[in-house]
């Protein structure tokens, strides 16, 4: 029901591709169940934090159970139920679980303590979004990962999408592949 792992890391490789609107779309409940099984298969060190439904896919944040720090981001094909790692920062900036740790410039020891604070990441995200959209933009509290932050944002009071900010460089990576936002559920809150 889900994609495999390359090199033992659940965030390397790209499985499932674009959502193909054939067959019946799975429900949010089904996506959550698929993700819970997937995360359980990774061992006791991880838990599902958030699931969002978008037009093109379901999106999930998985955190470390003991630290609450973001471990990786997953996508679920809404027609096949295939789970695969989200492309972008999850793979490229993640200094602990990403596929290019140490290969893209100087080696950075995996750390969630970054020079850019969560507040600074929010401000960077707001500046980026204000240049991208007209209307009132607000960002939600970022989830801290190893090497970056990911945060949801609202446009004119409505949930609209997400973006990530590199915790070392301040570079922004806009998650433009999700399509329109549908709904979300928060899990694993302590």
N, C-alpha and C. Protein backbone atom coordinates (compact mmCIF):
# COMPACT_ATOMS: atom_id res chain seq x y z
N UNK A 1 0.82 -1.20 0.00
CA UNK A 1 0.00 0.00 0.00
C UNK A 1 0.86 1.26 0.00
N UNK A 2 2.15 1.13 0.29
CA UNK A 2 3.01 2.32 0.29
C UNK A 2 4.33 2.01 -0.38
N UNK A 3 5.02 3.09 -0.76
CA UNK A 3 6.31 2.95 -1.43
C UNK A 3 7.37 2.47 -0.47
N UNK A 4 8.45 1.95 -1.00
CA UNK A 4 9.54 1.45 -0.18
C UNK A 4 10.46 2.55 0.25
N UNK A 5 11.55 2.15 0.86
CA UNK A 5 12.54 3.10 1.33
C UNK A 5 13.86 2.77 0.64
N UNK A 6 14.57 3.79 0.20
CA UNK A 6 15.89 3.61 -0.38
C UNK A 6 16.91 3.88 0.71
N UNK A 7 17.85 2.99 0.88
CA UNK A 7 18.90 3.21 1.86
C UNK A 7 18.39 3.23 3.29
N UNK A 8 17.20 2.69 3.54
CA UNK A 8 16.66 2.65 4.89
C UNK A 8 16.06 3.95 5.36
N UNK A 9 16.12 4.99 4.59
CA UNK A 9 15.57 6.29 4.98
C UNK A 9 14.25 6.51 4.28
N UNK A 10 13.19 6.86 5.03
CA UNK A 10 11.88 7.03 4.42
C UNK A 10 11.77 8.30 3.59
N UNK A 11 12.81 9.11 3.48
CA UNK A 11 12.68 10.35 2.73
C UNK A 11 13.60 10.40 1.53
N UNK A 12 14.11 9.27 1.09
CA UNK A 12 14.90 9.27 -0.13
C UNK A 12 14.14 8.55 -1.23
N UNK A 13 14.30 9.01 -2.44
CA UNK A 13 13.59 8.41 -3.56
C UNK A 13 12.27 9.10 -3.79
N UNK A 14 11.70 8.94 -4.95
CA UNK A 14 10.44 9.57 -5.30
C UNK A 14 9.52 8.50 -5.84
N UNK A 15 8.44 8.27 -5.15
CA UNK A 15 7.50 7.22 -5.52
C UNK A 15 6.13 7.81 -5.77
N UNK A 16 5.40 7.22 -6.65
CA UNK A 16 4.00 7.58 -6.82
C UNK A 16 3.74 8.64 -7.87
N UNK A 17 4.63 9.58 -8.06
CA UNK A 17 4.45 10.62 -9.06
C UNK A 17 3.22 11.48 -8.82
N UNK A 18 2.79 12.17 -9.84
CA UNK A 18 1.62 13.03 -9.76
C UNK A 18 0.35 12.22 -9.57
N UNK A 19 -0.60 12.80 -8.87
CA UNK A 19 -1.89 12.15 -8.68
C UNK A 19 -2.57 12.01 -10.03
N UNK A 20 -3.03 10.82 -10.32
CA UNK A 20 -3.75 10.59 -11.56
C UNK A 20 -5.22 10.39 -11.21
N UNK A 21 -6.08 11.30 -11.61
CA UNK A 21 -7.48 11.22 -11.20
C UNK A 21 -8.24 10.08 -11.87
N UNK A 22 -7.85 8.86 -11.56
CA UNK A 22 -8.58 7.69 -12.05
C UNK A 22 -9.01 6.87 -10.85
N UNK A 23 -10.18 6.30 -10.92
CA UNK A 23 -10.70 5.54 -9.79
C UNK A 23 -11.29 6.48 -8.77
N UNK A 24 -11.60 5.92 -7.61
CA UNK A 24 -12.22 6.71 -6.55
C UNK A 24 -11.17 7.29 -5.62
N UNK A 25 -11.34 8.55 -5.29
CA UNK A 25 -10.41 9.24 -4.38
C UNK A 25 -10.59 8.69 -2.97
N UNK A 26 -9.47 8.47 -2.27
CA UNK A 26 -9.57 7.99 -0.90
C UNK A 26 -9.98 9.15 0.01
N UNK A 27 -10.51 8.82 1.17
CA UNK A 27 -10.97 9.83 2.12
C UNK A 27 -9.83 10.26 3.03
N UNK A 28 -10.05 11.33 3.76
CA UNK A 28 -9.08 11.80 4.75
C UNK A 28 -8.84 10.70 5.78
N UNK A 29 -9.88 10.04 6.21
CA UNK A 29 -9.74 8.96 7.20
C UNK A 29 -8.88 7.82 6.65
N UNK A 30 -9.11 7.45 5.40
CA UNK A 30 -8.31 6.39 4.79
C UNK A 30 -6.84 6.82 4.68
N UNK A 31 -6.61 8.07 4.29
CA UNK A 31 -5.24 8.57 4.18
C UNK A 31 -4.55 8.55 5.54
N UNK A 32 -5.27 8.96 6.59
CA UNK A 32 -4.70 8.94 7.93
C UNK A 32 -4.35 7.50 8.35
N UNK A 33 -5.23 6.56 8.06
CA UNK A 33 -4.97 5.15 8.40
C UNK A 33 -3.75 4.62 7.65
N UNK A 34 -3.64 4.95 6.38
CA UNK A 34 -2.48 4.53 5.56
C UNK A 34 -1.21 5.11 6.16
N UNK A 35 -1.24 6.39 6.51
CA UNK A 35 -0.07 7.05 7.08
C UNK A 35 0.29 6.49 8.45
N UNK A 36 -0.70 6.21 9.28
CA UNK A 36 -0.44 5.63 10.61
C UNK A 36 0.25 4.27 10.46
N UNK A 37 -0.21 3.45 9.51
CA UNK A 37 0.44 2.14 9.27
C UNK A 37 1.87 2.34 8.76
N UNK A 38 2.04 3.29 7.87
CA UNK A 38 3.37 3.57 7.32
C UNK A 38 4.32 3.99 8.43
N UNK A 39 3.89 4.93 9.26
CA UNK A 39 4.74 5.44 10.34
C UNK A 39 5.01 4.34 11.37
N UNK A 40 4.02 3.52 11.68
CA UNK A 40 4.22 2.40 12.62
C UNK A 40 5.29 1.45 12.08
N UNK A 41 5.34 1.28 10.77
CA UNK A 41 6.34 0.42 10.15
C UNK A 41 7.75 0.96 10.24
N UNK A 42 7.89 2.24 10.58
CA UNK A 42 9.21 2.85 10.70
C UNK A 42 9.83 2.60 12.07
N UNK A 43 9.03 2.16 13.02
CA UNK A 43 9.51 1.92 14.38
C UNK A 43 8.91 2.91 15.35
N UNK A 44 9.25 2.74 16.61
CA UNK A 44 8.65 3.54 17.67
C UNK A 44 9.21 4.95 17.77
N UNK A 45 10.20 5.28 17.01
CA UNK A 45 10.84 6.58 17.12
C UNK A 45 10.10 7.72 16.44
N UNK A 46 8.98 7.42 15.75
CA UNK A 46 8.29 8.45 14.97
C UNK A 46 6.80 8.45 15.27
N UNK A 47 6.17 9.63 15.05
CA UNK A 47 4.71 9.71 15.15
C UNK A 47 4.19 10.72 14.14
N UNK A 48 2.98 10.50 13.72
CA UNK A 48 2.30 11.37 12.77
C UNK A 48 1.80 12.61 13.51
N UNK A 49 2.09 13.79 12.98
CA UNK A 49 1.69 15.05 13.63
C UNK A 49 0.52 15.71 12.93
N UNK A 50 0.53 15.71 11.59
CA UNK A 50 -0.46 16.49 10.83
C UNK A 50 -0.73 15.80 9.50
N UNK A 51 -1.99 15.85 9.08
CA UNK A 51 -2.36 15.38 7.74
C UNK A 51 -3.21 16.47 7.10
N UNK A 52 -2.84 16.85 5.89
CA UNK A 52 -3.60 17.85 5.13
C UNK A 52 -4.04 17.23 3.82
N UNK A 53 -5.23 17.58 3.40
CA UNK A 53 -5.72 17.12 2.10
C UNK A 53 -5.68 18.28 1.13
N UNK A 54 -5.05 18.04 -0.01
CA UNK A 54 -5.00 19.00 -1.10
C UNK A 54 -5.59 18.36 -2.35
N UNK A 55 -5.80 19.14 -3.35
CA UNK A 55 -6.33 18.66 -4.62
C UNK A 55 -5.45 17.56 -5.24
N UNK A 56 -4.14 17.73 -5.17
CA UNK A 56 -3.23 16.78 -5.83
C UNK A 56 -2.76 15.64 -4.95
N UNK A 57 -2.83 15.80 -3.61
CA UNK A 57 -2.30 14.78 -2.72
C UNK A 57 -2.72 15.02 -1.29
N UNK A 58 -2.42 14.06 -0.44
CA UNK A 58 -2.47 14.25 1.01
C UNK A 58 -1.03 14.51 1.44
N UNK A 59 -0.84 15.37 2.42
CA UNK A 59 0.47 15.75 2.92
C UNK A 59 0.51 15.42 4.40
N UNK A 60 1.66 14.94 4.89
CA UNK A 60 1.79 14.61 6.31
C UNK A 60 3.14 15.04 6.84
N UNK A 61 3.13 15.45 8.11
CA UNK A 61 4.36 15.71 8.85
C UNK A 61 4.55 14.58 9.84
N UNK A 62 5.74 14.00 9.84
CA UNK A 62 6.13 12.98 10.81
C UNK A 62 7.21 13.57 11.68
N UNK A 63 7.04 13.45 13.01
CA UNK A 63 8.01 13.99 13.96
C UNK A 63 8.67 12.86 14.73
N UNK A 64 9.82 13.18 15.31
CA UNK A 64 10.46 12.25 16.22
C UNK A 64 9.61 12.18 17.49
N UNK A 65 9.32 10.97 17.95
CA UNK A 65 8.46 10.80 19.12
C UNK A 65 9.07 11.39 20.39
N UNK A 66 10.39 11.30 20.53
CA UNK A 66 11.01 11.77 21.78
C UNK A 66 11.32 13.26 21.79
N UNK A 67 11.54 13.87 20.63
CA UNK A 67 11.92 15.30 20.60
C UNK A 67 10.81 16.21 20.08
N UNK A 68 9.89 15.67 19.28
CA UNK A 68 8.87 16.50 18.65
C UNK A 68 9.38 17.26 17.44
N UNK A 69 10.67 17.09 17.12
CA UNK A 69 11.26 17.76 15.95
C UNK A 69 10.80 17.05 14.68
N UNK A 70 10.50 17.82 13.65
CA UNK A 70 10.09 17.24 12.38
C UNK A 70 11.17 16.33 11.83
N UNK A 71 10.76 15.12 11.45
CA UNK A 71 11.70 14.16 10.88
C UNK A 71 11.62 14.21 9.36
N UNK A 72 10.42 14.11 8.82
CA UNK A 72 10.25 14.16 7.37
C UNK A 72 8.81 14.45 7.02
N UNK A 73 8.59 14.75 5.74
CA UNK A 73 7.29 15.08 5.18
C UNK A 73 6.94 14.04 4.13
N UNK A 74 5.69 13.59 4.15
CA UNK A 74 5.25 12.55 3.24
C UNK A 74 4.06 13.02 2.41
N UNK A 75 3.90 12.43 1.23
CA UNK A 75 2.73 12.64 0.39
C UNK A 75 2.04 11.30 0.16
N UNK A 76 0.73 11.36 0.01
CA UNK A 76 -0.06 10.17 -0.32
C UNK A 76 -0.84 10.47 -1.59
N UNK A 77 -0.69 9.59 -2.57
CA UNK A 77 -1.47 9.72 -3.80
C UNK A 77 -2.94 9.52 -3.43
N UNK A 78 -3.82 10.46 -3.77
CA UNK A 78 -5.22 10.38 -3.34
C UNK A 78 -6.06 9.33 -4.07
N UNK A 79 -5.49 8.67 -5.05
CA UNK A 79 -6.22 7.64 -5.78
C UNK A 79 -5.66 6.24 -5.55
N UNK A 80 -4.36 6.14 -5.33
CA UNK A 80 -3.74 4.83 -5.14
C UNK A 80 -3.38 4.55 -3.69
N UNK A 81 -3.26 5.58 -2.87
CA UNK A 81 -2.84 5.40 -1.48
C UNK A 81 -1.35 5.21 -1.32
N UNK A 82 -0.59 5.38 -2.40
CA UNK A 82 0.86 5.22 -2.34
C UNK A 82 1.48 6.34 -1.51
N UNK A 83 2.34 5.96 -0.56
CA UNK A 83 3.05 6.93 0.28
C UNK A 83 4.44 7.13 -0.29
N UNK A 84 4.87 8.37 -0.38
CA UNK A 84 6.21 8.67 -0.86
C UNK A 84 6.71 9.94 -0.19
N UNK A 85 8.03 10.12 -0.14
CA UNK A 85 8.58 11.33 0.48
C UNK A 85 8.25 12.56 -0.35
N UNK A 86 8.01 13.67 0.35
CA UNK A 86 7.76 14.91 -0.36
C UNK A 86 9.08 15.42 -0.95
N UNK A 87 9.05 15.86 -2.21
CA UNK A 87 10.27 16.43 -2.79
C UNK A 87 10.56 17.80 -2.17
N UNK A 88 11.73 18.31 -2.43
CA UNK A 88 12.08 19.64 -1.96
C UNK A 88 12.88 19.61 -0.68
N UNK A 89 12.59 20.51 0.25
CA UNK A 89 13.37 20.61 1.48
C UNK A 89 13.47 19.30 2.25
N UNK A 90 12.40 18.54 2.29
CA UNK A 90 12.39 17.25 2.97
C UNK A 90 13.55 16.37 2.52
N UNK A 91 13.88 16.44 1.25
CA UNK A 91 14.96 15.63 0.71
C UNK A 91 16.28 16.39 0.63
N UNK A 92 16.21 17.67 0.29
CA UNK A 92 17.42 18.44 -0.01
C UNK A 92 18.01 19.19 1.18
N UNK A 93 17.20 19.65 2.10
CA UNK A 93 17.70 20.45 3.22
C UNK A 93 17.74 19.70 4.54
N UNK A 94 17.11 18.55 4.63
CA UNK A 94 17.01 17.81 5.88
C UNK A 94 18.39 17.22 6.21
N UNK A 95 19.05 17.79 7.24
CA UNK A 95 20.42 17.40 7.56
C UNK A 95 20.51 16.09 8.31
N UNK A 96 19.39 15.54 8.75
CA UNK A 96 19.42 14.25 9.47
C UNK A 96 18.82 13.12 8.64
N UNK A 97 17.70 13.38 7.97
CA UNK A 97 17.00 12.31 7.25
C UNK A 97 17.00 12.51 5.74
N UNK A 98 17.54 13.60 5.26
CA UNK A 98 17.52 13.90 3.83
C UNK A 98 18.54 13.10 3.05
N UNK A 99 18.33 13.02 1.75
CA UNK A 99 19.18 12.19 0.91
C UNK A 99 20.49 12.85 0.53
N UNK A 100 20.61 14.16 0.66
CA UNK A 100 21.83 14.83 0.23
C UNK A 100 22.61 15.43 1.40
N UNK A 101 22.36 14.96 2.59
CA UNK A 101 23.09 15.45 3.75
C UNK A 101 24.58 15.30 3.49
N UNK A 102 25.30 16.40 3.57
CA UNK A 102 26.73 16.38 3.39
C UNK A 102 27.21 16.44 1.95
N UNK A 103 26.31 16.32 0.99
CA UNK A 103 26.71 16.30 -0.41
C UNK A 103 26.55 17.66 -1.08
N UNK A 104 25.77 18.54 -0.52
CA UNK A 104 25.46 19.82 -1.14
C UNK A 104 26.20 20.94 -0.41
N UNK A 105 27.52 20.94 -0.48
CA UNK A 105 28.28 21.96 0.20
C UNK A 105 28.95 21.39 1.44
N UNK A 106 29.39 22.27 2.34
CA UNK A 106 30.10 21.79 3.52
C UNK A 106 29.20 20.90 4.38
N UNK A 107 29.80 19.90 4.97
CA UNK A 107 29.03 18.99 5.81
C UNK A 107 28.48 19.74 7.02
N UNK A 108 27.22 19.56 7.27
CA UNK A 108 26.56 20.16 8.42
C UNK A 108 26.11 19.03 9.33
N UNK A 109 26.58 19.04 10.56
CA UNK A 109 26.15 18.03 11.53
C UNK A 109 24.64 18.17 11.71
N UNK A 110 23.91 17.06 11.69
CA UNK A 110 22.46 17.15 11.86
C UNK A 110 22.10 17.90 13.15
N UNK A 111 21.37 18.98 12.98
CA UNK A 111 20.95 19.77 14.13
C UNK A 111 19.64 20.49 13.81
N UNK A 112 18.85 20.64 14.84
CA UNK A 112 17.63 21.44 14.71
C UNK A 112 17.85 22.83 15.31
N UNK A 113 19.06 23.08 15.83
CA UNK A 113 19.44 24.40 16.33
C UNK A 113 20.10 25.14 15.17
N UNK A 114 19.37 26.08 14.61
CA UNK A 114 19.82 26.77 13.40
C UNK A 114 20.00 28.26 13.68
N UNK A 115 20.86 28.93 12.91
CA UNK A 115 21.07 30.36 13.11
C UNK A 115 19.81 31.20 12.90
N UNK A 116 18.94 30.76 12.02
CA UNK A 116 17.68 31.47 11.79
C UNK A 116 16.65 30.93 12.77
N UNK A 117 16.07 31.80 13.56
CA UNK A 117 15.09 31.40 14.57
C UNK A 117 13.73 31.16 13.91
N UNK A 118 12.81 30.49 14.62
CA UNK A 118 11.46 30.33 14.07
C UNK A 118 10.79 31.67 13.74
N UNK A 119 11.01 32.66 14.59
CA UNK A 119 10.42 33.98 14.35
C UNK A 119 11.00 34.63 13.09
N UNK A 120 12.29 34.48 12.91
CA UNK A 120 12.92 35.01 11.69
C UNK A 120 12.43 34.26 10.45
N UNK A 121 12.25 32.96 10.58
CA UNK A 121 11.73 32.16 9.46
C UNK A 121 10.32 32.62 9.08
N UNK A 122 9.49 32.92 10.09
CA UNK A 122 8.14 33.43 9.82
C UNK A 122 8.21 34.75 9.06
N UNK A 123 9.11 35.64 9.48
CA UNK A 123 9.24 36.95 8.82
C UNK A 123 9.73 36.79 7.38
N UNK A 124 10.68 35.91 7.18
CA UNK A 124 11.17 35.62 5.82
C UNK A 124 10.03 35.10 4.96
N UNK A 125 9.24 34.18 5.51
CA UNK A 125 8.11 33.60 4.78
C UNK A 125 7.08 34.68 4.45
N UNK A 126 6.77 35.53 5.41
CA UNK A 126 5.79 36.61 5.17
C UNK A 126 6.26 37.54 4.06
N UNK A 127 7.51 37.93 4.09
CA UNK A 127 8.04 38.81 3.04
C UNK A 127 7.94 38.15 1.67
N UNK A 128 8.26 36.88 1.61
CA UNK A 128 8.17 36.14 0.34
C UNK A 128 6.73 36.10 -0.15
N UNK A 129 5.81 35.75 0.74
CA UNK A 129 4.40 35.61 0.34
C UNK A 129 3.76 36.94 -0.02
N UNK A 130 4.14 38.01 0.65
CA UNK A 130 3.61 39.34 0.32
C UNK A 130 4.04 39.80 -1.06
N UNK A 131 5.19 39.32 -1.52
CA UNK A 131 5.62 39.61 -2.88
C UNK A 131 4.97 38.70 -3.91
N UNK A 132 4.44 37.59 -3.45
CA UNK A 132 3.83 36.60 -4.35
C UNK A 132 2.33 36.82 -4.53
N UNK A 133 1.66 37.24 -3.46
CA UNK A 133 0.20 37.36 -3.48
C UNK A 133 -0.27 38.76 -3.11
N UNK A 134 -1.44 39.10 -3.62
CA UNK A 134 -2.14 40.29 -3.16
C UNK A 134 -3.10 39.82 -2.07
N UNK A 135 -3.41 40.67 -1.15
CA UNK A 135 -4.33 40.29 -0.07
C UNK A 135 -3.59 40.07 1.23
N UNK A 136 -4.36 39.75 2.26
CA UNK A 136 -3.81 39.55 3.59
C UNK A 136 -3.19 38.16 3.70
N UNK A 137 -1.92 38.13 4.05
CA UNK A 137 -1.19 36.88 4.20
C UNK A 137 -0.76 36.73 5.65
N UNK A 138 -0.93 35.53 6.18
CA UNK A 138 -0.42 35.23 7.52
C UNK A 138 0.15 33.82 7.52
N UNK A 139 1.20 33.63 8.30
CA UNK A 139 1.81 32.31 8.39
C UNK A 139 1.53 31.72 9.76
N UNK A 140 1.44 30.40 9.79
CA UNK A 140 1.22 29.69 11.03
C UNK A 140 2.58 29.39 11.66
N UNK A 141 2.57 28.97 12.90
CA UNK A 141 3.81 28.63 13.60
C UNK A 141 4.55 27.54 12.82
N UNK A 142 5.83 27.74 12.56
CA UNK A 142 6.57 26.76 11.77
C UNK A 142 6.85 25.46 12.52
N UNK A 143 6.91 24.38 11.77
CA UNK A 143 7.41 23.12 12.31
C UNK A 143 8.90 23.10 12.06
N UNK A 144 9.67 22.84 13.10
CA UNK A 144 11.13 22.82 13.00
C UNK A 144 11.58 21.42 12.58
N UNK A 145 12.37 21.38 11.52
CA UNK A 145 13.00 20.16 11.04
C UNK A 145 14.51 20.31 11.21
N UNK A 146 15.24 19.28 10.88
CA UNK A 146 16.70 19.36 10.92
C UNK A 146 17.17 20.11 9.67
N UNK A 147 17.47 21.41 9.84
CA UNK A 147 17.98 22.21 8.74
C UNK A 147 17.00 23.20 8.14
N UNK A 148 15.72 23.11 8.50
CA UNK A 148 14.75 24.02 7.89
C UNK A 148 13.46 24.06 8.70
N UNK A 149 12.58 24.97 8.31
CA UNK A 149 11.24 25.10 8.89
C UNK A 149 10.22 24.96 7.77
N UNK A 150 9.09 24.34 8.07
CA UNK A 150 7.97 24.33 7.13
C UNK A 150 6.77 24.94 7.84
N UNK A 151 6.04 25.79 7.12
CA UNK A 151 4.87 26.43 7.73
C UNK A 151 3.74 26.56 6.73
N UNK A 152 2.53 26.45 7.26
CA UNK A 152 1.32 26.68 6.48
C UNK A 152 1.07 28.18 6.46
N UNK A 153 0.33 28.62 5.45
CA UNK A 153 -0.03 30.03 5.42
C UNK A 153 -1.47 30.19 4.97
N UNK A 154 -2.04 31.31 5.37
CA UNK A 154 -3.41 31.67 4.98
C UNK A 154 -3.36 32.87 4.06
N UNK A 155 -4.31 32.91 3.14
CA UNK A 155 -4.48 34.04 2.24
C UNK A 155 -5.90 34.54 2.43
N UNK A 156 -6.03 35.80 2.82
CA UNK A 156 -7.33 36.40 3.12
C UNK A 156 -8.14 35.56 4.10
N UNK A 157 -7.45 35.04 5.12
CA UNK A 157 -8.09 34.30 6.20
C UNK A 157 -8.35 32.83 5.95
N UNK A 158 -8.05 32.35 4.74
CA UNK A 158 -8.30 30.95 4.40
C UNK A 158 -6.98 30.21 4.19
N UNK A 159 -6.91 28.97 4.71
CA UNK A 159 -5.71 28.16 4.50
C UNK A 159 -5.48 28.05 3.00
N UNK A 160 -4.22 28.27 2.59
CA UNK A 160 -3.93 28.32 1.17
C UNK A 160 -2.81 27.37 0.74
N UNK A 161 -1.78 27.20 1.57
CA UNK A 161 -0.67 26.34 1.18
C UNK A 161 0.43 26.35 2.20
N UNK A 162 1.65 26.03 1.72
CA UNK A 162 2.79 25.98 2.63
C UNK A 162 4.08 26.33 1.91
N UNK A 163 5.09 26.62 2.71
CA UNK A 163 6.41 26.89 2.20
C UNK A 163 7.42 26.54 3.28
N UNK A 164 8.68 26.42 2.87
CA UNK A 164 9.75 26.10 3.81
C UNK A 164 10.82 27.17 3.74
N UNK A 165 11.52 27.35 4.86
CA UNK A 165 12.62 28.30 4.95
C UNK A 165 13.84 27.56 5.49
N UNK A 166 14.95 27.66 4.77
CA UNK A 166 16.19 27.03 5.19
C UNK A 166 16.69 27.74 6.46
N UNK A 167 16.98 26.96 7.49
CA UNK A 167 17.37 27.51 8.78
C UNK A 167 18.80 28.02 8.84
N UNK A 168 19.56 27.80 7.76
CA UNK A 168 20.95 28.27 7.71
C UNK A 168 21.12 29.42 6.73
N UNK A 169 20.40 29.39 5.60
CA UNK A 169 20.59 30.40 4.56
C UNK A 169 19.42 31.38 4.43
N UNK A 170 18.23 31.00 4.91
CA UNK A 170 17.05 31.83 4.72
C UNK A 170 16.38 31.65 3.37
N UNK A 171 16.89 30.74 2.56
CA UNK A 171 16.28 30.47 1.25
C UNK A 171 14.86 29.95 1.44
N UNK A 172 13.95 30.36 0.57
CA UNK A 172 12.55 29.94 0.62
C UNK A 172 12.29 28.91 -0.47
N UNK A 173 11.54 27.88 -0.11
CA UNK A 173 11.11 26.86 -1.08
C UNK A 173 9.60 26.78 -0.98
N UNK A 174 8.92 27.26 -2.00
CA UNK A 174 7.46 27.27 -2.04
C UNK A 174 6.94 25.90 -2.49
N UNK A 175 6.03 25.34 -1.74
CA UNK A 175 5.46 24.02 -2.07
C UNK A 175 4.29 24.23 -3.04
N UNK A 176 4.60 24.29 -4.32
CA UNK A 176 3.58 24.61 -5.32
C UNK A 176 2.92 23.42 -5.97
N UNK A 177 3.21 22.23 -5.53
CA UNK A 177 2.73 21.01 -6.20
C UNK A 177 1.48 20.43 -5.58
N UNK A 178 0.94 21.01 -4.51
CA UNK A 178 -0.19 20.41 -3.81
C UNK A 178 -1.55 20.67 -4.46
N UNK A 179 -1.70 21.80 -5.12
CA UNK A 179 -3.03 22.17 -5.60
C UNK A 179 -3.82 22.83 -4.49
N UNK A 180 -5.11 22.97 -4.69
CA UNK A 180 -5.96 23.68 -3.74
C UNK A 180 -6.08 22.92 -2.41
N UNK A 181 -6.08 23.68 -1.31
CA UNK A 181 -6.26 23.12 0.03
C UNK A 181 -7.70 22.66 0.20
N UNK A 182 -7.90 21.51 0.87
CA UNK A 182 -9.25 21.00 1.14
C UNK A 182 -9.53 20.97 2.63
N UNK A 183 -8.70 20.25 3.41
CA UNK A 183 -8.93 20.14 4.86
C UNK A 183 -7.66 19.62 5.54
N UNK A 184 -7.67 19.69 6.90
CA UNK A 184 -6.52 19.17 7.64
C UNK A 184 -6.96 18.64 9.00
N UNK A 185 -6.12 17.78 9.55
CA UNK A 185 -6.30 17.30 10.92
C UNK A 185 -4.95 17.36 11.61
N UNK A 186 -4.96 17.77 12.89
CA UNK A 186 -3.75 17.82 13.70
C UNK A 186 -3.77 16.59 14.60
N UNK A 187 -2.63 15.92 14.71
CA UNK A 187 -2.51 14.71 15.54
C UNK A 187 -1.30 14.84 16.43
N UNK A 188 -1.20 13.98 17.39
CA UNK A 188 0.02 13.86 18.17
C UNK A 188 0.44 15.10 18.91
N UNK A 189 -0.48 15.98 19.22
CA UNK A 189 -0.12 17.19 19.97
C UNK A 189 0.05 16.82 21.44
N UNK A 190 1.15 17.29 22.02
CA UNK A 190 1.40 17.01 23.44
C UNK A 190 1.03 18.19 24.29
